[in-house]
Amino acid sequence: MNKDPAEYQVGGTHYTDLEIQPWEVMEAWMTEEQFAGFLLGCVLKRLARYNAKVAGKGGLVDLLKAQHELDRLVIHCKAHPDAPPPPGL
């Protein structure tokens, strides 16, 4: 993890250009467990489509996006060490 995931974006600037990023809103509105589950789901989605044969999906960009979301999940888990993991883990 090189820098705060909130300070950069993989694949454009459509989120970092916003005054408040969507995942900041989600973290404020969701429970700690729900937000961790959201981030975990994002990571799994990116990894699952790594080998996708669809234009604009898969490959290195999805690995980088997964890494970005995983970095954010690590920050969240460090900030809330006593929070339960998402269901099913």
N, C-alpha and C. Protein backbone atom coordinates (compact mmCIF):
# COMPACT_ATOMS: atom_id res chain seq x y z
N MET A 1 0.86 -1.17 0.00
CA MET A 1 0.00 0.00 0.00
C MET A 1 0.91 1.24 0.00
N ASN A 2 0.85 2.02 -1.06
CA ASN A 2 1.73 3.15 -1.21
C ASN A 2 1.16 4.44 -0.64
N LYS A 3 -0.11 4.70 -0.90
CA LYS A 3 -0.72 5.93 -0.40
C LYS A 3 -2.19 5.69 -0.12
N ASP A 4 -2.82 6.68 0.47
CA ASP A 4 -4.22 6.59 0.84
C ASP A 4 -5.07 6.37 -0.41
N PRO A 5 -5.86 5.30 -0.44
CA PRO A 5 -6.70 5.03 -1.62
C PRO A 5 -7.68 6.17 -1.94
N ALA A 6 -8.00 7.00 -0.97
CA ALA A 6 -8.91 8.12 -1.22
C ALA A 6 -8.25 9.21 -2.04
N GLU A 7 -6.93 9.16 -2.15
CA GLU A 7 -6.18 10.20 -2.85
C GLU A 7 -5.95 9.90 -4.33
N TYR A 8 -6.31 8.71 -4.77
CA TYR A 8 -6.11 8.37 -6.18
C TYR A 8 -7.21 7.44 -6.63
N GLN A 9 -7.29 7.25 -7.93
CA GLN A 9 -8.29 6.35 -8.51
C GLN A 9 -7.65 5.62 -9.67
N VAL A 10 -7.99 4.36 -9.83
CA VAL A 10 -7.54 3.55 -10.96
C VAL A 10 -8.61 3.64 -12.05
N GLY A 11 -8.22 4.02 -13.25
CA GLY A 11 -9.15 4.02 -14.37
C GLY A 11 -9.96 5.29 -14.54
N GLY A 12 -9.41 6.42 -14.18
CA GLY A 12 -10.12 7.68 -14.39
C GLY A 12 -10.08 8.56 -13.17
N THR A 13 -10.88 9.62 -13.21
CA THR A 13 -10.96 10.56 -12.09
C THR A 13 -12.42 10.86 -11.72
N HIS A 14 -13.35 10.07 -12.22
CA HIS A 14 -14.77 10.36 -12.01
C HIS A 14 -15.18 10.30 -10.54
N TYR A 15 -14.44 9.63 -9.68
CA TYR A 15 -14.75 9.62 -8.25
C TYR A 15 -13.90 10.65 -7.51
N THR A 16 -12.62 10.71 -7.81
CA THR A 16 -11.74 11.65 -7.10
C THR A 16 -12.06 13.10 -7.43
N ASP A 17 -12.75 13.35 -8.53
CA ASP A 17 -13.17 14.71 -8.87
C ASP A 17 -14.35 15.19 -8.03
N LEU A 18 -15.02 14.28 -7.37
CA LEU A 18 -16.18 14.63 -6.54
C LEU A 18 -15.73 15.20 -5.20
N GLU A 19 -16.54 16.07 -4.63
CA GLU A 19 -16.24 16.63 -3.32
C GLU A 19 -16.25 15.54 -2.25
N ILE A 20 -17.22 14.64 -2.35
CA ILE A 20 -17.31 13.49 -1.45
C ILE A 20 -17.39 12.23 -2.31
N GLN A 21 -16.46 11.30 -2.09
CA GLN A 21 -16.45 10.07 -2.87
C GLN A 21 -17.54 9.12 -2.40
N PRO A 22 -18.09 8.34 -3.32
CA PRO A 22 -19.17 7.41 -2.95
C PRO A 22 -18.82 6.50 -1.78
N TRP A 23 -17.60 6.00 -1.70
CA TRP A 23 -17.30 5.09 -0.59
C TRP A 23 -17.23 5.82 0.75
N GLU A 24 -17.01 7.15 0.75
CA GLU A 24 -17.09 7.91 1.99
C GLU A 24 -18.54 7.99 2.49
N VAL A 25 -19.47 8.14 1.55
CA VAL A 25 -20.88 8.16 1.90
C VAL A 25 -21.30 6.78 2.42
N MET A 26 -20.88 5.74 1.71
CA MET A 26 -21.23 4.38 2.12
C MET A 26 -20.69 4.07 3.51
N GLU A 27 -19.47 4.47 3.77
CA GLU A 27 -18.88 4.20 5.09
C GLU A 27 -19.66 4.94 6.19
N ALA A 28 -20.14 6.15 5.88
CA ALA A 28 -20.90 6.91 6.87
C ALA A 28 -22.29 6.30 7.10
N TRP A 29 -22.91 5.78 6.07
CA TRP A 29 -24.28 5.27 6.16
C TRP A 29 -24.38 3.80 6.55
N MET A 30 -23.33 3.03 6.27
CA MET A 30 -23.36 1.59 6.54
C MET A 30 -22.74 1.29 7.91
N THR A 31 -23.05 0.11 8.42
CA THR A 31 -22.35 -0.35 9.62
C THR A 31 -20.92 -0.72 9.21
N GLU A 32 -20.05 -0.88 10.18
CA GLU A 32 -18.67 -1.28 9.90
C GLU A 32 -18.65 -2.60 9.14
N GLU A 33 -19.50 -3.51 9.56
CA GLU A 33 -19.58 -4.83 8.92
C GLU A 33 -20.08 -4.72 7.48
N GLN A 34 -21.10 -3.91 7.26
CA GLN A 34 -21.64 -3.73 5.91
C GLN A 34 -20.60 -3.11 4.98
N PHE A 35 -19.87 -2.11 5.46
CA PHE A 35 -18.89 -1.44 4.62
C PHE A 35 -17.74 -2.39 4.27
N ALA A 36 -17.30 -3.18 5.24
CA ALA A 36 -16.26 -4.17 4.97
C ALA A 36 -16.74 -5.18 3.93
N GLY A 37 -18.00 -5.60 4.05
CA GLY A 37 -18.57 -6.52 3.08
C GLY A 37 -18.67 -5.92 1.69
N PHE A 38 -19.02 -4.64 1.60
CA PHE A 38 -19.07 -3.94 0.32
C PHE A 38 -17.70 -3.96 -0.34
N LEU A 39 -16.67 -3.57 0.42
CA LEU A 39 -15.32 -3.53 -0.14
C LEU A 39 -14.84 -4.92 -0.55
N LEU A 40 -15.12 -5.91 0.28
CA LEU A 40 -14.73 -7.28 -0.05
C LEU A 40 -15.42 -7.73 -1.33
N GLY A 41 -16.70 -7.40 -1.48
CA GLY A 41 -17.43 -7.74 -2.70
C GLY A 41 -16.82 -7.09 -3.92
N CYS A 42 -16.38 -5.84 -3.78
CA CYS A 42 -15.73 -5.14 -4.91
C CYS A 42 -14.44 -5.85 -5.32
N VAL A 43 -13.65 -6.24 -4.32
CA VAL A 43 -12.39 -6.95 -4.61
C VAL A 43 -12.67 -8.27 -5.32
N LEU A 44 -13.63 -9.03 -4.81
CA LEU A 44 -13.97 -10.32 -5.41
C LEU A 44 -14.46 -10.16 -6.84
N LYS A 45 -15.26 -9.12 -7.09
CA LYS A 45 -15.77 -8.86 -8.44
C LYS A 45 -14.60 -8.62 -9.41
N ARG A 46 -13.65 -7.81 -9.00
CA ARG A 46 -12.51 -7.49 -9.87
C ARG A 46 -11.67 -8.75 -10.16
N LEU A 47 -11.44 -9.55 -9.12
CA LEU A 47 -10.65 -10.77 -9.31
C LEU A 47 -11.39 -11.77 -10.19
N ALA A 48 -12.71 -11.85 -10.03
CA ALA A 48 -13.50 -12.79 -10.81
C ALA A 48 -13.50 -12.44 -12.29
N ARG A 49 -13.40 -11.18 -12.62
CA ARG A 49 -13.44 -10.81 -14.04
C ARG A 49 -12.06 -10.53 -14.63
N TYR A 50 -11.01 -10.86 -13.89
CA TYR A 50 -9.65 -10.68 -14.39
C TYR A 50 -9.45 -11.32 -15.77
N ASN A 51 -9.98 -12.51 -15.97
CA ASN A 51 -9.82 -13.21 -17.25
C ASN A 51 -10.97 -12.95 -18.23
N ALA A 52 -11.75 -11.93 -17.99
CA ALA A 52 -12.92 -11.63 -18.84
C ALA A 52 -12.49 -11.36 -20.28
N LYS A 53 -13.32 -11.80 -21.18
CA LYS A 53 -13.08 -11.59 -22.61
C LYS A 53 -14.08 -10.56 -23.15
N VAL A 54 -14.33 -9.52 -22.35
CA VAL A 54 -15.27 -8.47 -22.71
C VAL A 54 -14.49 -7.17 -22.84
N ALA A 55 -14.76 -6.42 -23.88
CA ALA A 55 -14.05 -5.16 -24.11
C ALA A 55 -14.16 -4.25 -22.89
N GLY A 56 -13.02 -3.73 -22.44
CA GLY A 56 -13.00 -2.80 -21.33
C GLY A 56 -13.03 -3.44 -19.96
N LYS A 57 -13.06 -4.77 -19.89
CA LYS A 57 -13.10 -5.47 -18.60
C LYS A 57 -11.97 -6.49 -18.55
N GLY A 58 -11.52 -6.77 -17.34
CA GLY A 58 -10.50 -7.78 -17.16
C GLY A 58 -9.09 -7.23 -17.29
N GLY A 59 -8.14 -8.13 -17.11
CA GLY A 59 -6.73 -7.78 -17.26
C GLY A 59 -6.17 -6.99 -16.10
N LEU A 60 -5.05 -6.37 -16.38
CA LEU A 60 -4.29 -5.65 -15.35
C LEU A 60 -5.12 -4.57 -14.66
N VAL A 61 -5.94 -3.85 -15.41
CA VAL A 61 -6.72 -2.76 -14.79
C VAL A 61 -7.63 -3.30 -13.69
N ASP A 62 -8.21 -4.47 -13.87
CA ASP A 62 -9.05 -5.03 -12.80
C ASP A 62 -8.21 -5.47 -11.61
N LEU A 63 -7.00 -5.96 -11.83
CA LEU A 63 -6.13 -6.29 -10.71
C LEU A 63 -5.75 -5.03 -9.93
N LEU A 64 -5.47 -3.95 -10.64
CA LEU A 64 -5.12 -2.70 -9.97
C LEU A 64 -6.31 -2.13 -9.20
N LYS A 65 -7.50 -2.25 -9.77
CA LYS A 65 -8.70 -1.79 -9.06
C LYS A 65 -8.94 -2.65 -7.83
N ALA A 66 -8.75 -3.95 -7.93
CA ALA A 66 -8.91 -4.84 -6.78
C ALA A 66 -7.90 -4.48 -5.69
N GLN A 67 -6.68 -4.21 -6.09
CA GLN A 67 -5.65 -3.82 -5.13
C GLN A 67 -6.04 -2.51 -4.42
N HIS A 68 -6.55 -1.56 -5.17
CA HIS A 68 -6.99 -0.28 -4.63
C HIS A 68 -8.10 -0.48 -3.59
N GLU A 69 -9.07 -1.30 -3.93
CA GLU A 69 -10.18 -1.57 -3.01
C GLU A 69 -9.72 -2.39 -1.81
N LEU A 70 -8.79 -3.30 -2.03
CA LEU A 70 -8.24 -4.08 -0.92
C LEU A 70 -7.45 -3.18 0.03
N ASP A 71 -6.70 -2.22 -0.52
CA ASP A 71 -5.99 -1.26 0.33
C ASP A 71 -6.97 -0.49 1.21
N ARG A 72 -8.11 -0.12 0.65
CA ARG A 72 -9.12 0.60 1.43
C ARG A 72 -9.73 -0.30 2.50
N LEU A 73 -9.92 -1.58 2.18
CA LEU A 73 -10.44 -2.54 3.16
C LEU A 73 -9.45 -2.72 4.31
N VAL A 74 -8.16 -2.78 4.01
CA VAL A 74 -7.14 -2.92 5.05
C VAL A 74 -7.19 -1.72 5.99
N ILE A 75 -7.29 -0.52 5.43
CA ILE A 75 -7.39 0.69 6.26
C ILE A 75 -8.62 0.62 7.16
N HIS A 76 -9.73 0.21 6.58
CA HIS A 76 -10.98 0.11 7.35
C HIS A 76 -10.83 -0.91 8.48
N CYS A 77 -10.26 -2.06 8.20
CA CYS A 77 -10.11 -3.11 9.22
C CYS A 77 -9.14 -2.69 10.32
N LYS A 78 -8.09 -1.96 9.97
CA LYS A 78 -7.16 -1.46 10.99
C LYS A 78 -7.84 -0.43 11.88
N ALA A 79 -8.72 0.38 11.30
CA ALA A 79 -9.42 1.41 12.07
C ALA A 79 -10.51 0.82 12.98
N HIS A 80 -10.97 -0.38 12.64
CA HIS A 80 -12.05 -1.03 13.40
C HIS A 80 -11.65 -2.48 13.72
N PRO A 81 -10.60 -2.67 14.52
CA PRO A 81 -10.10 -4.03 14.76
C PRO A 81 -11.08 -4.95 15.48
N ASP A 82 -12.04 -4.39 16.18
CA ASP A 82 -12.99 -5.22 16.93
C ASP A 82 -14.27 -5.48 16.15
N ALA A 83 -14.39 -4.92 14.96
CA ALA A 83 -15.60 -5.12 14.16
C ALA A 83 -15.64 -6.55 13.64
N PRO A 84 -16.82 -7.15 13.58
CA PRO A 84 -16.91 -8.52 13.06
C PRO A 84 -16.65 -8.52 11.55
N PRO A 85 -16.10 -9.60 11.04
CA PRO A 85 -15.89 -9.69 9.59
C PRO A 85 -17.23 -9.82 8.89
N PRO A 86 -17.26 -9.54 7.60
CA PRO A 86 -18.51 -9.73 6.85
C PRO A 86 -19.00 -11.18 7.00
N PRO A 87 -20.31 -11.39 6.94
CA PRO A 87 -20.85 -12.76 7.05
C PRO A 87 -20.21 -13.71 6.05
N GLY A 88 -20.02 -14.92 6.48
CA GLY A 88 -19.49 -15.94 5.59
C GLY A 88 -18.00 -16.09 5.63
N LEU A 89 -17.32 -15.25 6.41
CA LEU A 89 -15.86 -15.37 6.47
C LEU A 89 -15.43 -15.97 7.79
